[in-house]
N, C-alpha and C. Protein backbone atom coordinates (compact mmCIF):
# COMPACT_ATOMS: atom_id res chain seq x y z
N MET A 1 -75.59 -18.13 13.58
CA MET A 1 -74.77 -19.12 12.75
C MET A 1 -73.72 -18.51 11.83
N LYS A 2 -74.59 -17.71 11.10
CA LYS A 2 -73.53 -16.83 10.00
C LYS A 2 -72.46 -16.01 11.09
N LYS A 3 -72.66 -15.69 12.26
CA LYS A 3 -71.46 -14.89 12.78
C LYS A 3 -70.58 -15.95 13.30
N LEU A 4 -70.83 -17.19 13.54
CA LEU A 4 -69.77 -18.52 13.74
C LEU A 4 -69.03 -18.96 12.40
N ALA A 5 -69.83 -18.61 11.32
CA ALA A 5 -69.35 -19.16 10.00
C ALA A 5 -67.98 -18.10 9.73
N MET A 6 -68.56 -16.78 10.03
CA MET A 6 -67.71 -15.59 9.70
C MET A 6 -66.09 -15.85 10.70
N ILE A 7 -66.32 -16.02 12.04
CA ILE A 7 -65.40 -16.16 12.58
C ILE A 7 -64.59 -17.55 12.19
N LEU A 8 -64.96 -18.43 11.76
CA LEU A 8 -64.16 -19.87 11.43
C LEU A 8 -63.46 -19.36 10.05
N LEU A 9 -64.22 -18.48 9.19
CA LEU A 9 -63.61 -18.14 7.77
C LEU A 9 -62.05 -17.56 8.22
N THR A 10 -62.46 -16.53 9.06
CA THR A 10 -61.56 -15.31 9.16
C THR A 10 -59.99 -16.36 9.95
N PHE A 11 -60.82 -17.40 10.86
CA PHE A 11 -59.67 -17.72 11.33
C PHE A 11 -58.61 -18.95 10.38
N ILE A 12 -59.10 -19.36 9.63
CA ILE A 12 -58.56 -20.03 8.38
C ILE A 12 -57.71 -19.53 7.61
N LEU A 13 -58.20 -18.18 6.99
CA LEU A 13 -57.56 -17.24 6.32
C LEU A 13 -56.36 -16.62 7.05
N VAL A 14 -56.40 -16.17 8.48
CA VAL A 14 -55.08 -15.85 8.98
C VAL A 14 -54.19 -16.60 9.15
N PHE A 15 -54.48 -18.30 9.71
CA PHE A 15 -53.50 -19.09 9.68
C PHE A 15 -53.04 -19.52 8.18
N GLY A 16 -53.48 -19.66 7.16
CA GLY A 16 -53.54 -19.89 6.06
C GLY A 16 -52.55 -19.24 5.40
N PHE A 17 -52.86 -17.96 5.69
CA PHE A 17 -52.06 -16.68 5.17
C PHE A 17 -50.55 -16.86 5.77
N SER A 18 -50.44 -17.14 6.95
CA SER A 18 -49.12 -17.57 7.77
C SER A 18 -48.42 -18.71 7.06
N SER A 19 -48.94 -19.79 7.04
CA SER A 19 -48.16 -20.99 6.37
C SER A 19 -47.87 -20.82 4.75
N MET A 20 -48.49 -19.85 4.15
CA MET A 20 -48.11 -19.84 2.71
C MET A 20 -46.81 -19.10 2.68
N THR A 21 -46.73 -17.96 3.63
CA THR A 21 -45.58 -17.24 3.49
C THR A 21 -44.21 -17.79 4.18
N PHE A 22 -44.40 -18.59 4.74
CA PHE A 22 -43.20 -19.41 5.48
C PHE A 22 -42.92 -20.20 3.88
N ALA A 23 -43.97 -21.04 3.43
CA ALA A 23 -43.45 -22.12 2.56
C ALA A 23 -43.26 -21.57 0.92
N GLY A 24 -43.17 -20.23 1.17
CA GLY A 24 -42.69 -19.32 -0.07
C GLY A 24 -41.49 -19.09 0.18
N ASN A 25 -40.60 -19.20 0.94
CA ASN A 25 -39.38 -19.13 1.34
C ASN A 25 -38.69 -20.32 0.86
N ASP A 26 -39.34 -21.40 0.51
CA ASP A 26 -38.37 -22.64 0.44
C ASP A 26 -37.87 -22.58 -1.21
N GLY A 27 -36.91 -23.47 -1.54
CA GLY A 27 -36.11 -23.15 -2.60
C GLY A 27 -34.46 -23.44 -2.58
N HIS A 28 -34.03 -23.71 -3.60
CA HIS A 28 -32.51 -23.81 -3.55
C HIS A 28 -32.28 -22.76 -4.42
N HIS A 29 -31.02 -22.12 -3.99
CA HIS A 29 -30.56 -20.79 -4.58
C HIS A 29 -29.13 -21.12 -4.48
N GLY A 30 -28.48 -21.25 -5.89
CA GLY A 30 -26.95 -21.76 -5.60
C GLY A 30 -26.68 -22.48 -4.83
N ASP A 31 -25.71 -22.53 -3.81
CA ASP A 31 -25.38 -23.63 -3.03
C ASP A 31 -26.28 -24.02 -1.75
N ASN A 32 -27.43 -23.18 -1.73
CA ASN A 32 -28.28 -23.28 -0.63
C ASN A 32 -29.25 -24.77 -0.76
N ASN A 33 -29.70 -25.10 0.56
CA ASN A 33 -30.26 -26.50 0.52
C ASN A 33 -31.16 -26.65 1.94
N THR A 34 -32.42 -26.77 1.67
CA THR A 34 -33.30 -26.80 2.87
C THR A 34 -34.05 -28.03 3.17
N THR A 35 -34.23 -28.45 4.18
CA THR A 35 -34.61 -29.61 4.43
C THR A 35 -35.67 -29.46 5.38
N GLU A 36 -36.93 -30.24 5.63
CA GLU A 36 -37.76 -29.93 6.56
C GLU A 36 -38.38 -31.55 7.22
N LYS A 37 -38.33 -31.28 8.41
CA LYS A 37 -39.04 -32.63 9.34
C LYS A 37 -40.05 -32.12 10.10
N VAL A 38 -41.11 -32.84 9.86
CA VAL A 38 -42.25 -32.89 10.27
C VAL A 38 -42.96 -34.03 11.31
N THR A 39 -43.37 -33.56 12.42
CA THR A 39 -43.64 -34.65 13.54
C THR A 39 -44.91 -34.22 14.10
N PHE A 40 -45.52 -35.17 14.79
CA PHE A 40 -46.86 -35.01 15.28
C PHE A 40 -47.08 -35.99 17.01
N HIS A 41 -47.41 -35.05 17.76
CA HIS A 41 -46.85 -35.63 19.25
C HIS A 41 -48.30 -34.95 20.16
N LYS A 42 -48.97 -35.71 20.65
CA LYS A 42 -49.99 -35.29 21.83
C LYS A 42 -50.86 -33.79 21.28
N GLY A 43 -51.37 -34.31 20.06
CA GLY A 43 -52.07 -32.94 19.43
C GLY A 43 -51.19 -31.60 18.96
N VAL A 44 -50.04 -31.69 18.93
CA VAL A 44 -48.86 -30.63 18.54
C VAL A 44 -47.95 -31.17 17.42
N THR A 45 -48.25 -30.25 16.33
CA THR A 45 -47.13 -30.45 15.22
C THR A 45 -46.31 -29.77 15.43
N THR A 46 -44.86 -30.64 15.37
CA THR A 46 -43.51 -29.45 15.20
C THR A 46 -42.96 -29.61 13.77
N ILE A 47 -42.84 -28.50 12.99
CA ILE A 47 -42.16 -28.37 11.75
C ILE A 47 -40.65 -27.75 11.99
N VAL A 48 -39.61 -28.74 11.70
CA VAL A 48 -38.43 -28.19 11.80
C VAL A 48 -37.68 -27.99 10.73
N LYS A 49 -37.39 -26.49 9.95
CA LYS A 49 -36.94 -26.29 8.73
C LYS A 49 -35.69 -25.84 8.81
N THR A 50 -34.54 -26.60 8.15
CA THR A 50 -33.07 -26.36 8.37
C THR A 50 -33.05 -26.11 6.99
N THR A 51 -31.91 -24.45 6.76
CA THR A 51 -31.75 -23.98 5.62
C THR A 51 -30.18 -23.91 5.64
N LYS A 52 -29.38 -24.61 4.68
CA LYS A 52 -27.96 -24.20 4.61
C LYS A 52 -27.44 -23.46 3.56
N GLU A 53 -26.85 -22.48 3.80
CA GLU A 53 -26.43 -21.45 2.57
C GLU A 53 -24.75 -21.36 2.79
N VAL A 54 -24.39 -21.78 1.54
CA VAL A 54 -23.02 -21.92 1.28
C VAL A 54 -22.23 -20.83 0.81
N SER A 55 -21.30 -19.85 1.27
CA SER A 55 -20.67 -18.98 0.77
C SER A 55 -18.95 -19.08 0.59
N TYR A 56 -18.25 -18.10 0.29
CA TYR A 56 -17.13 -18.67 0.25
C TYR A 56 -15.66 -17.42 0.10
N ASP A 57 -14.86 -17.19 0.85
CA ASP A 57 -14.39 -16.02 1.47
C ASP A 57 -12.35 -16.44 1.25
N LYS A 58 -11.99 -15.75 1.81
CA LYS A 58 -10.32 -15.90 1.73
C LYS A 58 -9.68 -15.21 2.72
N VAL A 59 -8.87 -15.75 3.51
CA VAL A 59 -7.95 -15.11 4.32
C VAL A 59 -6.86 -15.00 4.00
N VAL A 60 -6.33 -13.50 3.90
CA VAL A 60 -4.89 -13.11 3.29
C VAL A 60 -4.33 -12.85 4.61
N LYS A 61 -2.95 -13.31 4.48
CA LYS A 61 -1.98 -12.58 5.26
C LYS A 61 -0.66 -12.19 4.87
N VAL A 62 0.00 -11.33 4.88
CA VAL A 62 0.87 -10.51 4.15
C VAL A 62 2.19 -10.26 5.13
N GLU A 63 3.39 -10.83 4.54
CA GLU A 63 4.59 -10.35 5.30
C GLU A 63 5.61 -9.74 4.62
N LYS A 64 6.07 -9.10 5.19
CA LYS A 64 6.91 -8.02 4.65
C LYS A 64 8.46 -8.09 5.15
N ASP A 65 9.49 -7.86 4.18
CA ASP A 65 10.61 -7.73 4.71
C ASP A 65 11.50 -7.28 3.96
N THR A 66 12.83 -6.71 4.56
CA THR A 66 13.71 -5.64 3.45
C THR A 66 15.06 -6.29 3.98
N ASP A 67 15.97 -6.70 2.89
CA ASP A 67 17.39 -6.53 3.17
C ASP A 67 18.14 -5.43 2.24
N TYR A 68 19.15 -4.90 3.21
CA TYR A 68 19.77 -3.70 2.78
C TYR A 68 21.35 -4.28 2.82
N LYS A 69 21.73 -3.78 1.27
CA LYS A 69 23.45 -3.95 0.96
C LYS A 69 23.92 -2.56 0.75
N THR A 70 25.10 -2.33 1.36
CA THR A 70 25.55 -1.10 1.11
C THR A 70 26.95 -1.21 0.58
N GLU A 71 27.32 -0.23 -0.27
CA GLU A 71 28.42 -0.35 -1.43
C GLU A 71 29.10 1.20 -1.37
N LYS A 72 30.45 1.26 -1.00
CA LYS A 72 31.26 2.49 -0.95
C LYS A 72 31.35 2.85 -2.40
N LYS A 73 31.46 4.05 -2.90
CA LYS A 73 31.28 4.46 -4.08
C LYS A 73 31.87 5.66 -4.15
N PHE A 74 32.87 5.85 -5.28
CA PHE A 74 33.06 7.50 -5.34
C PHE A 74 33.10 7.72 -7.10
N LYS A 75 33.45 9.27 -7.69
CA LYS A 75 33.70 9.71 -8.78
C LYS A 75 34.47 10.68 -8.86
N LYS A 76 35.33 11.06 -9.63
CA LYS A 76 36.19 11.98 -9.74
C LYS A 76 36.11 12.84 -11.15
N ASP A 77 36.12 14.25 -11.02
CA ASP A 77 36.06 15.07 -12.07
C ASP A 77 37.18 16.08 -12.13
N THR A 78 37.83 16.05 -13.15
CA THR A 78 38.94 17.35 -12.99
C THR A 78 38.65 18.15 -14.05
N TYR A 79 39.17 19.56 -13.58
CA TYR A 79 38.93 20.81 -14.52
C TYR A 79 39.81 21.95 -14.18
N THR A 80 40.21 22.79 -15.05
CA THR A 80 41.16 23.67 -14.71
C THR A 80 40.05 24.95 -14.46
N GLU A 81 40.88 26.21 -13.58
CA GLU A 81 40.03 27.53 -13.54
C GLU A 81 41.22 28.29 -13.18
N SER A 82 41.04 29.44 -13.72
CA SER A 82 42.42 30.57 -13.66
C SER A 82 41.56 31.87 -12.87
N LYS A 83 42.59 32.38 -12.35
CA LYS A 83 42.54 33.45 -11.51
C LYS A 83 43.43 34.61 -11.91
N VAL A 84 43.28 35.88 -12.27
CA VAL A 84 43.85 36.94 -12.49
C VAL A 84 43.78 37.91 -11.24
N GLU A 85 45.00 38.23 -10.66
CA GLU A 85 45.13 39.29 -9.73
C GLU A 85 45.79 40.23 -10.20
N LYS A 86 45.22 41.70 -10.14
CA LYS A 86 45.86 42.90 -10.88
C LYS A 86 46.54 43.50 -9.35
N LYS A 87 47.87 44.03 -9.68
CA LYS A 87 48.80 44.85 -8.67
C LYS A 87 49.31 46.01 -9.36
N ARG A 88 49.50 46.94 -8.74
CA ARG A 88 50.12 48.28 -8.97
C ARG A 88 51.57 48.14 -8.51
N GLU A 89 52.50 48.67 -9.42
CA GLU A 89 54.09 48.53 -9.17
C GLU A 89 54.69 49.97 -9.47
N LYS A 90 55.70 50.40 -8.69
CA LYS A 90 56.14 51.50 -8.65
C LYS A 90 57.50 51.29 -9.23
N HIS A 91 57.97 52.15 -10.22
CA HIS A 91 59.18 52.41 -10.62
C HIS A 91 60.46 52.75 -9.60
N PRO A 92 61.43 51.59 -9.38
CA PRO A 92 62.51 52.11 -8.41
C PRO A 92 63.08 53.39 -8.30
N LYS A 93 63.36 54.18 -9.52
CA LYS A 93 63.90 55.19 -9.93
C LYS A 93 63.12 56.30 -10.14
N HIS A 94 62.30 56.24 -10.88
CA HIS A 94 60.81 57.54 -10.86
C HIS A 94 59.70 57.58 -10.40
N ASP A 95 59.05 58.45 -10.70
CA ASP A 95 57.69 58.24 -10.07
C ASP A 95 56.39 57.73 -11.23
N TRP A 96 56.74 56.70 -11.66
CA TRP A 96 56.01 56.07 -12.83
C TRP A 96 55.30 54.99 -11.90
N TYR A 97 54.54 54.34 -12.46
CA TYR A 97 53.56 53.16 -12.17
C TYR A 97 53.46 52.49 -13.02
N ARG A 98 53.10 51.03 -12.82
CA ARG A 98 52.32 49.99 -13.75
C ARG A 98 51.57 49.16 -13.43
N ASP A 99 50.77 48.46 -14.48
CA ASP A 99 49.64 47.30 -13.70
C ASP A 99 50.82 46.13 -13.87
N VAL A 100 50.67 45.26 -12.92
CA VAL A 100 51.01 44.00 -13.22
C VAL A 100 50.23 42.76 -12.61
N TYR A 101 49.87 41.87 -13.92
CA TYR A 101 48.72 40.93 -13.95
C TYR A 101 49.24 39.53 -13.85
N VAL A 102 48.97 38.85 -12.80
CA VAL A 102 49.07 37.31 -12.66
C VAL A 102 48.27 36.60 -12.61
N LYS A 103 48.51 35.83 -13.61
CA LYS A 103 47.27 34.89 -14.25
C LYS A 103 47.82 33.62 -13.39
N THR A 104 46.91 32.84 -12.85
CA THR A 104 47.17 31.51 -11.84
C THR A 104 45.89 30.24 -12.60
N THR A 105 46.47 29.26 -13.46
CA THR A 105 45.81 28.26 -13.28
C THR A 105 45.57 27.27 -12.69
N TYR A 106 44.58 26.48 -12.10
CA TYR A 106 44.55 25.56 -11.18
C TYR A 106 44.02 24.73 -11.93
N GLU A 107 44.33 23.33 -11.69
CA GLU A 107 43.84 22.06 -11.72
C GLU A 107 43.21 21.64 -10.55
N ILE A 108 41.75 21.58 -10.76
CA ILE A 108 41.11 21.12 -9.73
C ILE A 108 40.28 19.52 -10.05
N THR A 109 40.63 19.00 -9.09
CA THR A 109 39.82 17.41 -8.96
C THR A 109 38.55 17.58 -8.17
N LYS A 110 37.60 17.35 -8.34
CA LYS A 110 36.35 17.08 -7.61
C LYS A 110 35.98 15.55 -7.34
N THR A 111 35.98 15.22 -6.12
CA THR A 111 35.83 13.89 -5.58
C THR A 111 34.53 14.15 -4.95
N THR A 112 33.50 13.06 -5.28
CA THR A 112 32.35 13.01 -4.59
C THR A 112 32.35 11.71 -4.16
N SER A 113 32.07 11.09 -2.79
CA SER A 113 31.83 9.98 -2.61
C SER A 113 30.40 9.71 -1.98
N TRP A 114 29.92 8.57 -1.84
CA TRP A 114 28.43 8.44 -1.12
C TRP A 114 28.56 6.48 -1.12
N ASP A 115 27.74 6.33 -0.13
CA ASP A 115 27.38 5.17 0.17
C ASP A 115 25.89 4.46 -0.63
N GLU A 116 25.76 3.97 -1.49
CA GLU A 116 24.65 3.27 -2.42
C GLU A 116 24.31 2.18 -1.90
N VAL A 117 23.29 2.24 -1.38
CA VAL A 117 22.36 1.18 -0.71
C VAL A 117 21.37 0.50 -1.72
N THR A 118 21.19 -0.49 -1.59
CA THR A 118 20.35 -1.35 -2.19
C THR A 118 19.44 -1.96 -1.34
N ALA A 119 18.00 -1.86 -1.78
CA ALA A 119 16.90 -2.57 -0.78
C ALA A 119 16.54 -3.41 -1.48
N ILE A 120 16.22 -4.72 -0.85
CA ILE A 120 15.21 -5.56 -1.47
C ILE A 120 14.06 -5.78 -0.73
N HIS A 121 13.26 -5.45 -1.17
CA HIS A 121 11.76 -5.71 -0.38
C HIS A 121 11.18 -7.03 -0.89
N THR A 122 10.90 -7.77 0.11
CA THR A 122 10.18 -8.78 -0.43
C THR A 122 9.07 -9.02 0.59
N ILE A 123 8.05 -9.35 -0.46
CA ILE A 123 6.54 -9.36 -0.11
C ILE A 123 5.87 -10.81 0.09
N LYS A 124 5.35 -11.48 1.04
CA LYS A 124 5.08 -12.82 1.00
C LYS A 124 3.68 -12.92 1.06
N LYS A 125 2.59 -13.28 0.45
CA LYS A 125 1.33 -13.44 0.38
C LYS A 125 0.79 -14.62 0.78
N PHE A 126 0.23 -15.02 1.79
CA PHE A 126 -0.41 -16.44 2.32
C PHE A 126 -2.00 -16.13 1.88
N THR A 127 -2.66 -16.71 1.09
CA THR A 127 -4.08 -16.92 0.72
C THR A 127 -4.92 -18.43 1.06
N THR A 128 -5.96 -18.01 1.98
CA THR A 128 -6.24 -19.36 2.26
C THR A 128 -7.73 -19.26 2.11
N PRO A 129 -8.33 -20.22 1.21
CA PRO A 129 -9.94 -20.18 1.17
C PRO A 129 -10.60 -20.56 2.07
N VAL A 130 -11.88 -20.03 2.21
CA VAL A 130 -12.38 -20.64 3.79
C VAL A 130 -14.26 -20.87 2.83
N LYS A 131 -14.41 -21.80 3.25
CA LYS A 131 -15.94 -22.14 2.95
C LYS A 131 -16.64 -21.83 4.02
N ILE A 132 -17.90 -21.30 3.99
CA ILE A 132 -18.31 -20.81 5.33
C ILE A 132 -20.19 -21.47 5.19
N THR A 133 -20.44 -22.22 5.76
CA THR A 133 -21.74 -22.61 6.07
C THR A 133 -22.85 -22.03 7.06
N LYS A 134 -23.66 -21.53 6.71
CA LYS A 134 -24.73 -20.73 7.61
C LYS A 134 -25.88 -21.84 7.72
N THR A 135 -26.19 -22.17 8.79
CA THR A 135 -27.08 -23.06 9.03
C THR A 135 -28.34 -22.20 10.01
N THR A 136 -29.32 -22.34 9.22
CA THR A 136 -30.64 -21.41 9.95
C THR A 136 -31.79 -22.63 10.25
N VAL A 137 -31.82 -22.85 11.70
CA VAL A 137 -32.83 -23.97 11.75
C VAL A 137 -34.01 -23.15 12.38
N THR A 138 -35.23 -23.36 12.10
CA THR A 138 -36.69 -22.81 12.38
C THR A 138 -37.53 -23.79 12.94
N THR A 139 -38.11 -23.72 13.96
CA THR A 139 -39.08 -24.51 14.60
C THR A 139 -40.10 -24.04 14.99
N ILE A 140 -41.34 -24.67 14.02
CA ILE A 140 -42.38 -24.18 14.32
C ILE A 140 -43.56 -24.98 14.96
N LYS A 141 -44.26 -24.84 16.24
CA LYS A 141 -45.12 -25.71 16.86
C LYS A 141 -46.38 -25.25 16.62
N HIS A 142 -47.68 -25.91 16.12
CA HIS A 142 -48.82 -25.36 16.05
C HIS A 142 -49.71 -26.48 16.47
N ARG A 143 -51.10 -26.49 17.23
CA ARG A 143 -52.05 -27.09 17.42
C ARG A 143 -52.80 -27.74 16.35
N GLY A 144 -53.20 -29.06 16.12
CA GLY A 144 -53.32 -29.97 15.20
C GLY A 144 -52.76 -30.59 14.42
N LYS A 145 -53.02 -31.52 13.47
CA LYS A 145 -52.24 -32.24 12.88
C LYS A 145 -51.44 -31.36 11.74
N PRO A 146 -50.89 -32.20 10.87
CA PRO A 146 -49.86 -31.58 9.98
C PRO A 146 -50.87 -31.24 8.86
N GLY A 147 -50.60 -30.05 8.23
CA GLY A 147 -51.47 -29.44 7.50
C GLY A 147 -52.79 -28.84 8.09
N SER A 148 -52.90 -29.03 8.94
CA SER A 148 -54.21 -28.41 9.68
C SER A 148 -54.34 -26.88 9.77
N ASN A 149 -53.14 -26.27 10.02
CA ASN A 149 -52.73 -24.78 10.05
C ASN A 149 -53.57 -24.43 11.28
N GLY A 150 -53.30 -25.27 12.20
CA GLY A 150 -53.81 -24.75 13.89
C GLY A 150 -52.90 -23.67 14.19
N LYS A 151 -53.25 -23.25 15.50
CA LYS A 151 -52.54 -22.41 16.14
C LYS A 151 -51.30 -22.18 16.45
N ILE A 152 -50.66 -21.22 16.22
CA ILE A 152 -49.43 -21.31 16.42
C ILE A 152 -48.77 -21.41 17.82
N ILE A 153 -48.26 -22.23 18.32
CA ILE A 153 -47.88 -22.47 19.65
C ILE A 153 -46.50 -21.52 19.99
N SER A 154 -45.50 -21.80 19.11
CA SER A 154 -44.50 -21.09 19.13
C SER A 154 -43.19 -21.14 17.75
N LYS A 155 -42.42 -19.87 17.95
CA LYS A 155 -41.72 -20.18 16.71
C LYS A 155 -40.36 -19.78 16.99
N THR A 156 -39.47 -20.23 16.63
CA THR A 156 -37.81 -20.30 17.28
C THR A 156 -37.15 -20.42 15.80
N THR A 157 -35.99 -19.37 16.16
CA THR A 157 -35.31 -19.25 15.06
C THR A 157 -33.51 -19.14 15.66
N GLU A 158 -32.86 -20.10 15.17
CA GLU A 158 -31.41 -20.42 15.48
C GLU A 158 -30.63 -20.59 14.01
N LYS A 159 -29.58 -19.76 14.32
CA LYS A 159 -28.32 -19.40 13.49
C LYS A 159 -26.89 -20.01 13.81
N PHE A 160 -26.34 -20.77 13.06
CA PHE A 160 -24.94 -21.24 13.39
C PHE A 160 -23.95 -21.33 12.11
N PHE A 161 -22.69 -21.24 12.35
CA PHE A 161 -21.80 -20.66 11.55
C PHE A 161 -20.86 -21.69 11.43
N ASP A 162 -20.44 -22.48 10.38
CA ASP A 162 -19.27 -23.25 10.21
C ASP A 162 -18.25 -23.12 9.24
N LYS A 163 -16.92 -22.94 9.59
CA LYS A 163 -15.91 -22.43 8.37
C LYS A 163 -14.70 -23.59 8.45
N GLU A 164 -14.71 -23.70 7.07
CA GLU A 164 -13.72 -24.66 6.47
C GLU A 164 -12.48 -24.49 5.84
N PHE A 165 -11.43 -24.14 6.39
CA PHE A 165 -10.32 -23.75 5.74
C PHE A 165 -9.94 -24.67 4.78
N GLY A 166 -9.32 -24.06 3.29
CA GLY A 166 -8.48 -24.97 2.40
C GLY A 166 -7.04 -24.87 2.63
N LYS A 167 -6.68 -25.40 1.17
CA LYS A 167 -4.90 -25.35 1.22
C LYS A 167 -4.60 -24.00 0.91
N THR A 168 -3.52 -23.81 1.73
CA THR A 168 -2.75 -22.22 1.73
C THR A 168 -1.83 -22.45 0.76
N THR A 169 -2.27 -21.00 -0.07
CA THR A 169 -1.25 -20.73 -1.39
C THR A 169 -0.06 -19.62 -0.81
N LYS A 170 1.05 -19.59 -1.38
CA LYS A 170 1.91 -18.79 -1.25
C LYS A 170 2.73 -17.82 -2.47
N GLU A 171 2.87 -16.91 -2.27
CA GLU A 171 2.72 -15.79 -3.43
C GLU A 171 4.23 -15.23 -3.13
N VAL A 172 5.22 -15.05 -3.56
CA VAL A 172 6.45 -14.37 -3.35
C VAL A 172 6.45 -13.16 -4.41
N THR A 173 6.78 -11.92 -4.14
CA THR A 173 7.30 -10.94 -5.03
C THR A 173 8.35 -10.39 -4.49
N LYS A 174 9.41 -9.67 -5.54
CA LYS A 174 10.69 -8.75 -4.73
C LYS A 174 10.64 -7.82 -5.76
N HIS A 175 11.12 -6.69 -4.89
CA HIS A 175 11.26 -5.13 -5.34
C HIS A 175 12.40 -4.68 -4.79
N LYS A 176 13.24 -4.16 -6.16
CA LYS A 176 14.70 -3.56 -5.75
C LYS A 176 14.71 -2.20 -5.71
N GLU A 177 15.34 -1.43 -4.70
CA GLU A 177 15.36 -0.01 -4.72
C GLU A 177 16.60 0.31 -4.65
N THR A 178 17.26 1.59 -5.07
CA THR A 178 18.63 1.93 -5.01
C THR A 178 18.81 3.64 -4.99
N PHE A 179 19.43 3.99 -3.78
CA PHE A 179 19.40 5.19 -3.34
C PHE A 179 20.85 5.59 -2.64
N LYS A 180 21.04 6.74 -2.37
CA LYS A 180 22.34 7.17 -2.01
C LYS A 180 22.28 7.71 -0.37
N LYS A 181 23.16 7.56 0.32
CA LYS A 181 23.42 7.74 1.63
C LYS A 181 24.66 8.62 1.87
N ASN A 182 24.75 9.85 2.64
CA ASN A 182 26.13 10.00 3.18
C ASN A 182 26.98 10.54 2.19
N GLU A 183 26.11 11.12 1.04
CA GLU A 183 27.04 12.03 0.16
C GLU A 183 28.13 12.91 0.59
N GLN A 184 29.34 13.12 -0.02
CA GLN A 184 30.15 14.25 0.69
C GLN A 184 31.03 14.45 -0.56
N THR A 185 31.50 15.83 -0.66
CA THR A 185 32.42 16.43 -2.11
C THR A 185 33.52 16.79 -1.36
N HIS A 186 34.59 16.69 -2.18
CA HIS A 186 35.76 17.32 -1.69
C HIS A 186 36.55 17.73 -2.98
N TYR A 187 37.48 18.97 -2.78
CA TYR A 187 38.11 19.41 -4.03
C TYR A 187 39.49 19.63 -3.73
N ASP A 188 40.59 18.89 -4.49
CA ASP A 188 41.86 19.39 -4.33
C ASP A 188 42.31 20.15 -5.87
N LYS A 189 42.90 21.23 -5.13
CA LYS A 189 43.38 22.25 -6.23
C LYS A 189 45.04 22.35 -6.18
N LYS A 190 45.48 22.52 -7.52
CA LYS A 190 47.04 22.51 -7.40
C LYS A 190 47.25 23.84 -8.76
N VAL A 191 48.63 24.12 -8.47
CA VAL A 191 48.82 25.11 -9.58
C VAL A 191 49.48 24.47 -10.38
N VAL A 192 49.30 24.87 -11.82
CA VAL A 192 49.69 24.30 -12.95
C VAL A 192 50.21 25.33 -14.06
N ASP A 193 50.04 26.68 -13.54
CA ASP A 193 50.76 27.14 -14.69
C ASP A 193 50.41 28.95 -14.08
N VAL A 194 51.51 29.76 -13.96
CA VAL A 194 51.62 31.13 -13.48
C VAL A 194 52.08 31.88 -14.78
N GLU A 195 51.44 32.79 -15.12
CA GLU A 195 51.84 33.73 -16.23
C GLU A 195 51.62 35.36 -15.53
N THR A 196 52.80 35.94 -15.89
CA THR A 196 52.78 37.35 -15.22
C THR A 196 52.86 38.43 -16.72
N THR A 197 51.83 39.40 -16.52
CA THR A 197 51.92 40.38 -17.82
C THR A 197 51.97 41.54 -17.10
N HIS A 198 53.10 42.49 -17.55
CA HIS A 198 53.52 43.60 -16.94
C HIS A 198 53.00 44.98 -18.11
N GLY A 199 51.99 45.98 -17.59
CA GLY A 199 51.86 47.14 -18.25
C GLY A 199 53.29 48.11 -18.61
N LYS A 200 52.77 49.13 -19.20
CA LYS A 200 53.45 49.91 -19.52
C LYS A 200 53.77 50.97 -18.28
N TRP A 201 55.20 51.58 -18.11
CA TRP A 201 55.06 52.61 -17.04
C TRP A 201 54.33 53.82 -17.48
N GLY A 202 54.12 54.54 -16.52
CA GLY A 202 53.38 55.56 -16.82
C GLY A 202 53.37 56.90 -15.62
N LYS A 203 53.61 58.22 -15.82
CA LYS A 203 53.60 59.21 -14.85
C LYS A 203 52.28 58.91 -14.19
N HIS A 204 52.42 59.51 -13.07
CA HIS A 204 51.23 59.98 -12.18
C HIS A 204 50.26 58.78 -12.14
N GLY A 205 50.74 57.74 -12.41
CA GLY A 205 49.80 56.34 -11.85
C GLY A 205 49.11 55.88 -12.96
N LYS A 206 49.49 56.61 -14.31
CA LYS A 206 48.46 56.27 -15.42
C LYS A 206 49.49 55.27 -16.18
N ASP A 207 48.56 54.14 -16.54
CA ASP A 207 49.18 53.10 -17.33
C ASP A 207 49.12 53.34 -18.63
N LYS A 208 49.82 52.76 -19.44
CA LYS A 208 49.96 53.48 -20.54
C LYS A 208 49.72 52.06 -21.89
N GLY A 209 49.31 51.09 -21.19
CA GLY A 209 49.25 49.65 -21.71
C GLY A 209 50.15 48.56 -21.42
N LYS A 210 49.67 47.34 -21.91
CA LYS A 210 50.47 46.42 -21.31
C LYS A 210 51.58 45.73 -22.02
N LYS A 211 52.69 45.49 -21.58
CA LYS A 211 53.43 44.40 -22.14
C LYS A 211 54.00 43.03 -21.00
N ARG A 212 54.79 42.18 -21.79
CA ARG A 212 55.01 40.86 -21.01
C ARG A 212 56.32 41.21 -20.64
N HIS A 213 56.65 40.70 -19.45
CA HIS A 213 58.24 41.05 -18.69
C HIS A 213 58.71 39.80 -18.34
């Protein structure tokens, strides 16, 4: 008789603990919602527990486009530059020599040309909010009436997801960028002055000074 009582007590403890664990998961957490439906038919209790969990996300789509505008540009800079050339000149009658300095002054025009490119980057961002509903359906069947904690026959869990899309919003941003292409430099040079300076005649190729002539 004692042995039968111990077996019965063990049976109640095992199935009582299982029922408490499942019930402990009930409750509302944020947007969560749980409902329970209990039916009894032909000695079998069916418990259908439905839990809905709501979360929020968003779908972001980005489109990028660039428009280019090219403009021809140039810049001129003018400056002078001098060059001195030295020569040896022999006297037509004597064995004398002198140095001749020719200073040439140039006017130089530096022309730089390039293509100035302006790029306008347009970024379109489309954001759509999404409401996600996760539905978990747990079905438990056990022998006996509801609340009897009878032997569990089966337990199944199914999960379903539903997405509800909200209104899409559009955000447009523009970024401007300027850069150079095909840069070239050209120089124009013309003589604006020539100055000649003669040294003194000297024997044996020795120059004794300079003088203008």
